[in-house]
Amino acid sequence: MNQKIEQLRLKAAELTRHTHELGIPVMIVFEGVPASGKTRLTNELLLTLDAKYSHFIATKPPSDFDLRYQFLQNFWNTLPSKGHINIYFRSWYSHFIDYRVHELKKSIFQNSTVMTEAIQNFEDMLMADQHEIIKFYIEINEEKRQEHIEQMKANPLTNWKAQEYEQFIPKAQYEAMMSELMDDSFKVIDYTHRAAAIEQMYRYLIKRLEKAIDNYEKRERVIDGQFTPGFTTTRFQKPETKIKKSEYDALVEELQLRLRELQFALYERKIPLVLVYEGMDAAGKGGNIKRVRELLDPTGYAVTAISAPTDVELNHHYLWRFATVMPKSGHISIFDRSWYGRVLVERVEGFASQDEWSRAYDEINAFEKMWTDEGAIVLKFFLSLDKEEQLKRFKAREEDKNKQWKITDEDWRNREKWDLYVEASDDMIEKTNTSYAPWLVVPADHKKTARIQVLKYIIKKCEAKLWGVKDY
């Protein structure tokens, strides 16, 4: 037994127990050409880690099903929870190379900067959330690599694996593309000499884990500054004209039928549509969503109503629970409240630190861009409501036994913080109103008028995406 390596194993195991106790998510990436030693190194590491909180994730070339989702979807889905360790055998880097070499989604990814930007934003937002991302690139002497391959070919039980290697991206092409993607964040390990490679891996892993623990403990000693609200303004707007009931009944059905037609057109063109609803309590989000989906084909859309995060969701990056339910191509996802909770309720109620909600604006913009870069339509609606109109609706709910379930003590508590929510909403719209994922502030004092405005807007934006039609 190599005593030096055994001591390193024990130290690595001790540190990962510590990261688990502290709740630090760790992501370990292994890249390299086939037969370079990745399998042996990852297995060496897996045997050292505690199986209760370590997971092995093998990244395969994207299937037709995978191609219906955003480029990084599988990696969003497999983010580690707090204190867990994910080992990625091939990662988003190999995924990138698969897309480029096989010209997948060519119409979208003609410019590779779309994917490299998505990767950078993905890693940046994870690291800002205290994820430790450790990246290894494994290389080996070519003569030694060929020796490994020939040994596999000679064994009938492993010959299939050698043949699979031959179907992989050509070595020279993979290495050339990886050299463009790699930076100082990768630790390059030569596996030509096995013991030396294992020792290098553990030493680097230990160094990174110690640094992660030290950073965590320093952060815990920092006391966040208190949020002090400044002058607030209201975004409540009265609609210019209120639609008459006689006009509404005919127009709403006409618009709903048109939206149903567009749903089929989006499906045919494989364009995903994301509709996000935010607004004050009792602003009419549920009723608005109901009219949007009333005549849609239910096999092609899903509504996600967001409530307080579960324990499982709290143990992941705050965007994880939203990324996992984003639509595949041609489908529609409707969010009744959304990831904007980070800069609204979490900001106002103190569930997120000032550092967390302050950086969330840029993170959310990057998150939405990951989907719009791949052709998705992202439309966001803020239903604006007069404070007195909200009070009127609250009281009406209390008096109607069929609607009493809609009013809670929490609604009344939120109302007491009206000005703080208005200020947070102002900041949210100002900092996340982008050309690719715009906000529409909808005066919601008159529910029917608000419903018509939203339906018209969705139709206009979908027609523009489908056929370049600029006006409804």
Protein backbone atom coordinates (compact mmCIF):
# COMPACT_ATOMS: atom_id res chain seq x y z
CA MET A 1 0.00 0.00 0.00
CA ASN A 2 1.25 3.50 -0.88
CA GLN A 3 1.29 5.19 2.53
CA LYS A 4 1.48 8.68 1.03
CA ILE A 5 -1.67 8.14 -1.03
CA GLU A 6 -3.46 6.53 1.89
CA GLN A 7 -2.81 9.58 4.03
CA LEU A 8 -4.12 11.81 1.25
CA ARG A 9 -7.26 9.67 0.96
CA LEU A 10 -7.90 10.04 4.70
CA LYS A 11 -7.41 13.81 4.52
CA ALA A 12 -9.73 14.16 1.53
CA ALA A 13 -12.39 12.06 3.26
CA GLU A 14 -12.08 14.19 6.41
CA LEU A 15 -12.47 17.43 4.43
CA THR A 16 -15.50 16.19 2.49
CA ARG A 17 -17.15 15.25 5.77
CA HIS A 18 -16.54 18.83 6.83
CA THR A 19 -17.96 20.33 3.62
CA HIS A 20 -20.98 18.10 4.12
CA GLU A 21 -21.49 19.37 7.67
CA LEU A 22 -21.12 22.98 6.53
CA GLY A 23 -23.51 22.47 3.60
CA ILE A 24 -21.03 23.36 0.84
CA PRO A 25 -22.07 21.89 -2.55
CA VAL A 26 -19.07 20.46 -4.43
CA MET A 27 -18.92 19.75 -8.16
CA ILE A 28 -15.92 17.79 -9.48
CA VAL A 29 -15.43 17.68 -13.24
CA PHE A 30 -13.32 15.12 -15.09
CA GLU A 31 -12.52 15.79 -18.74
CA GLY A 32 -10.09 14.07 -21.12
CA VAL A 33 -10.00 11.87 -24.22
CA PRO A 34 -11.16 8.22 -23.98
CA ALA A 35 -8.71 5.85 -22.25
CA SER A 36 -6.86 8.74 -20.65
CA GLY A 37 -7.47 7.45 -17.12
CA LYS A 38 -10.67 9.33 -16.21
CA THR A 39 -12.54 6.17 -15.26
CA ARG A 40 -9.82 4.95 -12.91
CA LEU A 41 -9.36 8.31 -11.25
CA THR A 42 -13.07 8.89 -10.72
CA ASN A 43 -13.47 5.40 -9.27
CA GLU A 44 -10.50 5.99 -6.98
CA LEU A 45 -12.19 9.15 -5.72
CA LEU A 46 -15.62 7.55 -5.37
CA LEU A 47 -14.16 4.84 -3.14
CA THR A 48 -12.77 7.54 -0.86
CA LEU A 49 -15.96 9.59 -0.59
CA ASP A 50 -18.98 8.74 1.53
CA ALA A 51 -21.61 7.22 -0.76
CA LYS A 52 -24.42 8.80 1.25
CA TYR A 53 -23.68 12.23 -0.18
CA SER A 54 -21.55 11.65 -3.29
CA HIS A 55 -22.99 11.03 -6.74
CA PHE A 56 -21.50 9.97 -10.08
CA ILE A 57 -22.97 11.64 -13.18
CA ALA A 58 -21.89 10.41 -16.61
CA THR A 59 -22.56 12.90 -19.40
CA LYS A 60 -23.56 11.28 -22.67
CA PRO A 61 -23.88 12.88 -26.11
CA PRO A 62 -27.26 14.64 -26.32
CA SER A 63 -30.21 12.57 -27.54
CA ASP A 64 -33.08 13.91 -29.65
CA PHE A 65 -35.00 14.31 -26.38
CA ASP A 66 -32.17 16.31 -24.80
CA LEU A 67 -32.10 18.64 -27.81
CA ARG A 68 -35.62 19.77 -26.99
CA TYR A 69 -34.33 21.42 -23.83
CA GLN A 70 -31.92 24.23 -23.10
CA PHE A 71 -28.25 23.37 -23.57
CA LEU A 72 -27.46 23.19 -19.83
CA GLN A 73 -30.76 21.61 -18.72
CA ASN A 74 -29.27 18.27 -17.62
CA PHE A 75 -26.73 20.07 -15.47
CA TRP A 76 -29.36 22.29 -13.85
CA ASN A 77 -31.31 19.13 -13.10
CA THR A 78 -28.34 17.45 -11.45
CA LEU A 79 -27.03 20.30 -9.31
CA PRO A 80 -25.85 18.99 -5.94
CA SER A 81 -27.81 19.90 -2.85
CA LYS A 82 -26.02 21.58 0.04
CA GLY A 83 -23.26 19.40 1.47
CA HIS A 84 -23.36 16.91 -1.41
CA ILE A 85 -20.65 16.10 -3.96
CA ASN A 86 -21.33 15.47 -7.64
CA ILE A 87 -18.65 13.94 -9.84
CA TYR A 88 -19.20 14.73 -13.52
CA PHE A 89 -17.62 12.18 -15.85
CA ARG A 90 -17.49 14.42 -18.88
CA SER A 91 -19.36 17.64 -18.24
CA TRP A 92 -20.83 20.73 -19.87
CA TYR A 93 -17.48 21.12 -21.63
CA SER A 94 -17.83 17.83 -23.49
CA HIS A 95 -21.48 18.75 -24.04
CA PHE A 96 -20.30 21.95 -25.72
CA ILE A 97 -17.95 19.97 -27.97
CA ASP A 98 -20.73 17.53 -28.91
CA TYR A 99 -22.90 20.44 -30.04
CA ARG A 100 -20.14 22.05 -32.07
CA VAL A 101 -18.69 18.93 -33.72
CA HIS A 102 -22.06 17.42 -34.62
CA GLU A 103 -23.55 20.82 -35.53
CA LEU A 104 -26.51 20.36 -33.21
CA LYS A 105 -29.03 23.21 -33.15
CA LYS A 106 -26.90 24.72 -35.88
CA SER A 107 -29.30 27.57 -36.58
CA ILE A 108 -28.97 28.76 -32.98
CA PHE A 109 -25.36 27.92 -32.22
CA GLN A 110 -23.61 29.10 -35.36
CA ASN A 111 -21.72 31.41 -33.04
CA SER A 112 -20.11 29.37 -30.27
CA THR A 113 -19.98 32.40 -27.97
CA VAL A 114 -23.63 31.71 -27.12
CA MET A 115 -22.65 28.48 -25.38
CA THR A 116 -19.40 29.72 -23.86
CA GLU A 117 -21.28 32.68 -22.37
CA ALA A 118 -23.94 30.32 -21.02
CA ILE A 119 -21.25 28.12 -19.42
CA GLN A 120 -19.50 31.12 -17.87
CA ASN A 121 -22.74 32.52 -16.46
CA PHE A 122 -23.72 29.09 -15.16
CA GLU A 123 -20.44 28.65 -13.28
CA ASP A 124 -20.36 32.25 -12.04
CA MET A 125 -23.81 32.11 -10.45
CA LEU A 126 -23.04 28.75 -8.82
CA MET A 127 -19.74 29.94 -7.41
CA ALA A 128 -21.40 33.13 -6.13
CA ASP A 129 -23.77 30.80 -4.25
CA GLN A 130 -20.78 29.05 -2.60
CA HIS A 131 -20.64 26.03 -4.91
CA GLU A 132 -17.10 24.71 -5.15
CA ILE A 133 -16.37 23.70 -8.78
CA ILE A 134 -13.18 21.64 -9.14
CA LYS A 135 -12.13 20.81 -12.69
CA PHE A 136 -9.63 18.15 -13.80
CA TYR A 137 -8.34 17.56 -17.30
CA ILE A 138 -6.72 14.12 -17.63
CA GLU A 139 -4.10 13.47 -20.27
CA ILE A 140 -1.82 10.53 -20.95
CA ASN A 141 1.11 9.48 -23.11
CA GLU A 142 -0.39 8.36 -26.45
CA GLU A 143 1.57 5.12 -26.49
CA LYS A 144 0.22 4.26 -23.05
CA ARG A 145 -3.31 5.21 -24.12
CA GLN A 146 -3.16 2.93 -27.16
CA GLU A 147 -1.86 0.16 -24.94
CA HIS A 148 -4.99 0.53 -22.75
CA ILE A 149 -7.23 0.42 -25.82
CA GLU A 150 -5.54 -2.68 -27.23
CA GLN A 151 -5.92 -4.46 -23.90
CA MET A 152 -9.64 -3.78 -24.02
CA LYS A 153 -9.91 -4.96 -27.63
CA ALA A 154 -8.17 -8.23 -26.76
CA ASN A 155 -10.73 -9.03 -24.07
CA PRO A 156 -14.14 -10.14 -25.46
CA LEU A 157 -15.83 -8.69 -22.40
CA THR A 158 -14.39 -5.20 -22.90
CA ASN A 159 -14.07 -5.10 -26.67
CA TRP A 160 -17.36 -3.20 -26.93
CA LYS A 161 -15.89 -0.37 -24.89
CA ALA A 162 -12.90 -0.05 -27.19
CA GLN A 163 -15.25 0.11 -30.17
CA GLU A 164 -17.26 2.79 -28.40
CA TYR A 165 -14.09 4.85 -28.03
CA GLU A 166 -13.66 4.81 -31.80
CA GLN A 167 -17.08 6.42 -32.18
CA PHE A 168 -16.07 9.25 -29.87
CA ILE A 169 -15.04 12.65 -31.19
CA PRO A 170 -11.58 12.31 -32.81
CA LYS A 171 -8.83 12.84 -30.26
CA ALA A 172 -7.15 15.72 -32.10
CA GLN A 173 -10.46 17.54 -32.53
CA TYR A 174 -11.46 17.10 -28.90
CA GLU A 175 -8.06 18.26 -27.64
CA ALA A 176 -8.07 21.30 -29.92
CA MET A 177 -11.51 22.41 -28.77
CA MET A 178 -10.76 21.77 -25.11
CA SER A 179 -7.59 23.83 -25.36
CA GLU A 180 -9.76 26.78 -26.43
CA LEU A 181 -12.17 26.26 -23.54
CA MET A 182 -9.69 25.54 -20.74
CA ASP A 183 -8.25 28.23 -18.50
CA ASP A 184 -6.41 28.32 -15.19
CA SER A 185 -9.46 26.90 -13.43
CA PHE A 186 -8.54 23.42 -14.77
CA LYS A 187 -5.98 21.21 -13.08
CA VAL A 188 -4.19 19.16 -15.74
CA ILE A 189 -3.09 15.70 -14.58
CA ASP A 190 -0.89 13.30 -16.54
CA TYR A 191 -2.08 9.74 -15.97
CA THR A 192 0.94 8.10 -17.62
CA HIS A 193 2.16 7.20 -14.14
CA ARG A 194 -0.87 6.08 -12.13
CA ALA A 195 0.40 6.64 -8.58
CA ALA A 196 1.69 10.11 -9.40
CA ALA A 197 -1.65 11.00 -11.00
CA ILE A 198 -3.64 9.85 -7.97
CA GLU A 199 -1.37 11.82 -5.67
CA GLN A 200 -1.76 14.97 -7.81
CA MET A 201 -5.54 14.61 -7.81
CA TYR A 202 -5.77 14.30 -4.04
CA ARG A 203 -3.34 17.12 -3.34
CA TYR A 204 -5.25 19.52 -5.58
CA LEU A 205 -8.61 18.37 -4.22
CA ILE A 206 -7.43 18.88 -0.64
CA LYS A 207 -6.11 22.35 -1.48
CA ARG A 208 -9.44 23.39 -3.02
CA LEU A 209 -11.55 21.92 -0.23
CA GLU A 210 -9.47 23.63 2.44
CA LYS A 211 -9.88 26.92 0.61
CA ALA A 212 -13.64 26.38 0.25
CA ILE A 213 -13.97 25.70 3.98
CA ASP A 214 -11.87 28.73 4.86
CA ASN A 215 -13.96 30.97 2.57
CA TYR A 216 -17.15 29.62 4.09
CA GLU A 217 -16.00 30.29 7.63
CA LYS A 218 -14.84 33.81 6.74
CA ARG A 219 -18.20 34.52 5.11
CA GLU A 220 -20.05 33.30 8.19
CA ARG A 221 -18.15 35.83 10.31
CA VAL A 222 -19.27 38.71 8.12
CA ILE A 223 -22.40 40.46 9.36
CA ASP A 224 -24.59 41.54 6.46
CA GLY A 225 -25.55 45.20 6.37
CA GLN A 226 -29.16 45.98 7.14
CA PHE A 227 -31.42 46.93 4.28
CA THR A 228 -32.74 50.46 4.74
CA PRO A 229 -35.52 51.44 2.38
CA GLY A 230 -35.25 54.73 0.62
CA PHE A 231 -37.87 56.83 -1.09
CA THR A 232 -40.45 54.70 -2.87
CA THR A 233 -42.63 55.30 -5.87
CA THR A 234 -45.63 53.32 -7.03
CA ARG A 235 -45.92 51.75 -10.41
CA PHE A 236 -49.69 51.57 -10.15
CA GLN A 237 -51.28 52.88 -13.32
CA LYS A 238 -54.91 53.36 -14.19
CA PRO A 239 -55.88 51.83 -17.54
CA GLU A 240 -56.53 54.49 -20.17
CA THR A 241 -59.91 52.94 -20.99
CA LYS A 242 -61.88 50.16 -19.37
CA ILE A 243 -63.31 47.52 -21.65
CA LYS A 244 -67.06 47.08 -21.52
CA LYS A 245 -68.47 43.71 -20.53
CA SER A 246 -70.31 43.32 -23.85
CA GLU A 247 -67.04 43.88 -25.74
CA TYR A 248 -65.03 41.70 -23.36
CA ASP A 249 -67.08 38.53 -23.76
CA ALA A 250 -66.69 38.50 -27.53
CA LEU A 251 -63.08 39.71 -27.64
CA VAL A 252 -61.69 37.38 -24.97
CA GLU A 253 -62.87 34.28 -26.83
CA GLU A 254 -61.51 35.59 -30.13
CA LEU A 255 -58.12 36.20 -28.56
CA GLN A 256 -58.13 32.83 -26.80
CA LEU A 257 -58.85 31.02 -30.07
CA ARG A 258 -56.00 32.91 -31.75
CA LEU A 259 -53.66 32.01 -28.91
CA ARG A 260 -54.62 28.36 -29.30
CA GLU A 261 -53.70 28.55 -32.99
CA LEU A 262 -50.36 30.08 -32.04
CA GLN A 263 -49.78 27.32 -29.50
CA PHE A 264 -49.88 24.79 -32.34
CA ALA A 265 -47.62 26.99 -34.48
CA LEU A 266 -45.10 27.25 -31.65
CA TYR A 267 -45.20 23.50 -31.23
CA GLU A 268 -44.63 22.93 -34.94
CA ARG A 269 -41.68 25.32 -34.95
CA LYS A 270 -40.41 23.89 -31.61
CA ILE A 271 -40.37 27.31 -29.94
CA PRO A 272 -40.81 27.27 -26.12
CA LEU A 273 -42.88 30.01 -24.48
CA VAL A 274 -42.36 31.15 -20.87
CA LEU A 275 -44.93 33.41 -19.23
CA VAL A 276 -44.05 34.92 -15.84
CA TYR A 277 -46.59 36.60 -13.56
CA GLU A 278 -45.73 38.82 -10.63
CA GLY A 279 -47.73 41.46 -8.77
CA MET A 280 -49.26 42.47 -5.48
CA ASP A 281 -51.59 40.10 -3.63
CA ALA A 282 -55.13 40.15 -5.11
CA ALA A 283 -53.89 41.77 -8.34
CA GLY A 284 -55.66 39.08 -10.37
CA LYS A 285 -52.77 36.86 -11.45
CA GLY A 286 -54.78 33.65 -11.13
CA GLY A 287 -57.73 34.96 -13.11
CA ASN A 288 -55.44 36.35 -15.77
CA ILE A 289 -53.63 33.03 -16.12
CA LYS A 290 -56.97 31.22 -16.33
CA ARG A 291 -58.03 33.31 -19.35
CA VAL A 292 -54.68 32.75 -21.04
CA ARG A 293 -54.87 28.97 -20.78
CA GLU A 294 -58.65 28.52 -20.98
CA LEU A 295 -58.70 27.26 -24.59
CA LEU A 296 -55.13 25.96 -24.85
CA ASP A 297 -54.38 22.30 -25.47
CA PRO A 298 -53.52 21.00 -21.97
CA THR A 299 -50.98 18.54 -23.37
CA GLY A 300 -48.77 21.43 -24.40
CA TYR A 301 -48.61 23.68 -21.35
CA ALA A 302 -48.00 23.57 -17.61
CA VAL A 303 -48.72 26.03 -14.83
CA THR A 304 -46.29 26.24 -11.92
CA ALA A 305 -47.68 28.04 -8.89
CA ILE A 306 -44.82 29.08 -6.65
CA SER A 307 -45.09 28.97 -2.89
CA ALA A 308 -42.50 28.95 -0.12
CA PRO A 309 -39.57 26.66 -1.00
CA THR A 310 -39.46 23.17 0.48
CA ASP A 311 -36.52 21.87 2.48
CA VAL A 312 -35.24 20.09 -0.64
CA GLU A 313 -35.46 23.29 -2.67
CA LEU A 314 -33.74 25.31 0.04
CA ASN A 315 -30.85 22.83 -0.14
CA HIS A 316 -30.20 23.77 -3.77
CA HIS A 317 -29.32 26.91 -5.68
CA TYR A 318 -32.38 29.17 -5.62
CA LEU A 319 -32.81 28.92 -9.43
CA TRP A 320 -32.73 25.11 -9.41
CA ARG A 321 -36.42 24.58 -8.72
CA PHE A 322 -37.33 26.82 -11.66
CA ALA A 323 -34.78 25.45 -14.11
CA THR A 324 -36.07 21.92 -13.61
CA VAL A 325 -39.58 22.87 -14.80
CA MET A 326 -38.68 25.10 -17.75
CA PRO A 327 -40.41 23.99 -20.97
CA LYS A 328 -39.02 21.79 -23.68
CA SER A 329 -39.20 23.08 -27.25
CA GLY A 330 -42.71 23.78 -28.49
CA HIS A 331 -44.25 23.79 -25.00
CA ILE A 332 -45.53 26.57 -22.75
CA SER A 333 -44.64 27.13 -19.09
CA ILE A 334 -46.69 29.60 -17.05
CA PHE A 335 -45.30 30.74 -13.69
CA ASP A 336 -47.69 32.13 -11.07
CA ARG A 337 -44.90 33.93 -9.22
CA SER A 338 -41.38 32.92 -10.08
CA TRP A 339 -37.64 33.27 -9.52
CA TYR A 340 -38.32 36.96 -8.90
CA GLY A 341 -39.23 36.03 -5.36
CA ARG A 342 -35.50 36.39 -4.70
CA VAL A 343 -35.69 40.17 -5.21
CA LEU A 344 -39.23 40.62 -3.88
CA VAL A 345 -40.41 38.61 -0.86
CA GLU A 346 -36.94 37.29 0.02
CA ARG A 347 -35.54 40.83 -0.09
CA VAL A 348 -38.37 42.47 1.85
CA GLU A 349 -38.78 39.72 4.44
CA GLY A 350 -35.04 39.22 4.95
CA PHE A 351 -34.98 35.62 3.71
CA ALA A 352 -32.05 36.55 1.44
CA SER A 353 -29.07 38.63 2.49
CA GLN A 354 -28.44 41.98 0.82
CA ASP A 355 -25.52 40.43 -1.08
CA GLU A 356 -27.73 37.58 -2.31
CA TRP A 357 -30.63 39.65 -3.61
CA SER A 358 -28.36 42.41 -4.95
CA ARG A 359 -26.48 40.04 -7.24
CA ALA A 360 -29.67 38.19 -8.21
CA TYR A 361 -30.64 40.81 -10.82
CA ASP A 362 -27.66 39.97 -13.02
CA GLU A 363 -28.05 36.24 -12.30
CA ILE A 364 -31.70 36.29 -13.33
CA ASN A 365 -30.88 38.20 -16.52
CA ALA A 366 -28.25 35.59 -17.37
CA PHE A 367 -30.64 32.76 -16.47
CA GLU A 368 -33.35 34.07 -18.81
CA LYS A 369 -30.83 34.69 -21.57
CA MET A 370 -29.80 31.01 -21.48
CA TRP A 371 -33.28 30.18 -22.74
CA THR A 372 -33.88 33.09 -25.11
CA ASP A 373 -30.49 32.48 -26.75
CA GLU A 374 -31.85 29.10 -27.79
CA GLY A 375 -35.04 30.53 -29.26
CA ALA A 376 -37.43 30.66 -26.29
CA ILE A 377 -39.92 33.50 -25.86
CA VAL A 378 -39.85 34.86 -22.30
CA LEU A 379 -42.59 37.37 -21.41
CA LYS A 380 -43.02 38.84 -17.93
CA PHE A 381 -46.12 40.53 -16.54
CA PHE A 382 -46.30 42.70 -13.45
CA LEU A 383 -49.91 43.26 -12.45
CA SER A 384 -50.04 46.69 -10.83
CA LEU A 385 -52.75 47.41 -8.28
CA ASP A 386 -53.92 50.49 -6.37
CA LYS A 387 -53.55 50.09 -2.61
CA GLU A 388 -57.18 50.99 -1.96
CA GLU A 389 -58.36 48.56 -4.63
CA GLN A 390 -56.37 45.81 -2.91
CA LEU A 391 -58.12 46.59 0.39
CA LYS A 392 -61.47 46.44 -1.35
CA ARG A 393 -60.63 43.01 -2.80
CA PHE A 394 -59.32 41.70 0.51
CA LYS A 395 -62.59 42.64 2.25
CA ALA A 396 -64.66 41.13 -0.56
CA ARG A 397 -62.79 37.86 -0.16
CA GLU A 398 -63.42 37.82 3.57
CA GLU A 399 -67.15 38.31 3.01
CA ASP A 400 -67.48 35.62 0.33
CA LYS A 401 -67.38 32.15 1.88
CA ASN A 402 -66.30 30.71 -1.49
CA LYS A 403 -63.29 33.01 -1.59
CA GLN A 404 -62.26 33.18 2.05
CA TRP A 405 -59.52 30.62 1.38
CA LYS A 406 -57.84 33.21 -0.83
CA ILE A 407 -57.18 35.62 2.03
CA THR A 408 -54.66 34.78 4.75
CA ASP A 409 -52.94 36.46 7.65
CA GLU A 410 -49.83 36.60 5.49
CA ASP A 411 -51.66 38.74 2.92
CA TRP A 412 -52.48 41.28 5.62
CA ARG A 413 -48.88 41.24 6.88
CA ASN A 414 -47.59 41.83 3.35
CA ARG A 415 -49.95 44.77 2.98
CA GLU A 416 -48.33 46.44 5.99
CA LYS A 417 -45.07 46.43 3.99
CA TRP A 418 -46.67 47.87 0.86
CA ASP A 419 -44.06 50.60 0.31
CA LEU A 420 -41.19 48.12 0.67
CA TYR A 421 -42.77 45.80 -1.88
CA VAL A 422 -43.38 48.70 -4.26
CA GLU A 423 -39.74 49.77 -4.00
CA ALA A 424 -38.54 46.20 -4.54
CA SER A 425 -40.86 45.86 -7.54
CA ASP A 426 -39.55 49.12 -9.02
CA ASP A 427 -35.95 47.90 -8.70
CA MET A 428 -36.86 44.51 -10.15
CA ILE A 429 -38.47 45.94 -13.27
CA GLU A 430 -35.76 48.53 -13.81
CA LYS A 431 -32.89 46.05 -13.48
CA THR A 432 -34.38 43.04 -15.29
CA ASN A 433 -36.35 44.63 -18.13
CA THR A 434 -34.24 43.38 -21.03
CA SER A 435 -34.78 43.35 -24.78
CA TYR A 436 -34.84 39.55 -24.78
CA ALA A 437 -37.11 39.12 -21.71
CA PRO A 438 -39.19 42.29 -21.32
CA TRP A 439 -41.58 43.28 -18.57
CA LEU A 440 -45.10 44.50 -19.28
CA VAL A 441 -46.55 46.48 -16.39
CA VAL A 442 -50.29 45.83 -16.53
CA PRO A 443 -52.75 48.12 -14.72
CA ALA A 444 -54.87 45.52 -12.92
CA ASP A 445 -57.43 47.72 -11.17
CA HIS A 446 -59.92 46.54 -13.82
CA LYS A 447 -59.52 42.78 -14.22
CA LYS A 448 -61.17 42.36 -17.63
CA THR A 449 -59.11 45.13 -19.20
CA ALA A 450 -55.93 43.59 -17.78
CA ARG A 451 -56.81 40.17 -19.21
CA ILE A 452 -57.36 41.56 -22.69
CA GLN A 453 -54.12 43.55 -22.56
CA VAL A 454 -52.09 40.45 -21.62
CA LEU A 455 -53.71 38.23 -24.26
CA LYS A 456 -53.06 40.81 -26.98
CA TYR A 457 -49.46 41.23 -25.86
CA ILE A 458 -48.73 37.49 -25.86
CA ILE A 459 -50.26 37.12 -29.31
CA LYS A 460 -48.28 40.08 -30.67
CA LYS A 461 -44.97 38.75 -29.33
CA CYS A 462 -45.62 35.19 -30.55
CA GLU A 463 -46.58 36.39 -34.03
CA ALA A 464 -43.45 38.53 -34.14
CA LYS A 465 -41.31 35.50 -33.27
CA LEU A 466 -43.08 33.20 -35.71
CA TRP A 467 -43.50 35.45 -38.72
CA GLY A 468 -41.98 38.82 -37.97
CA VAL A 469 -45.40 40.46 -37.55
CA LYS A 470 -44.86 43.69 -35.67
CA ASP A 471 -48.37 44.81 -34.79
CA TYR A 472 -51.40 42.95 -33.64
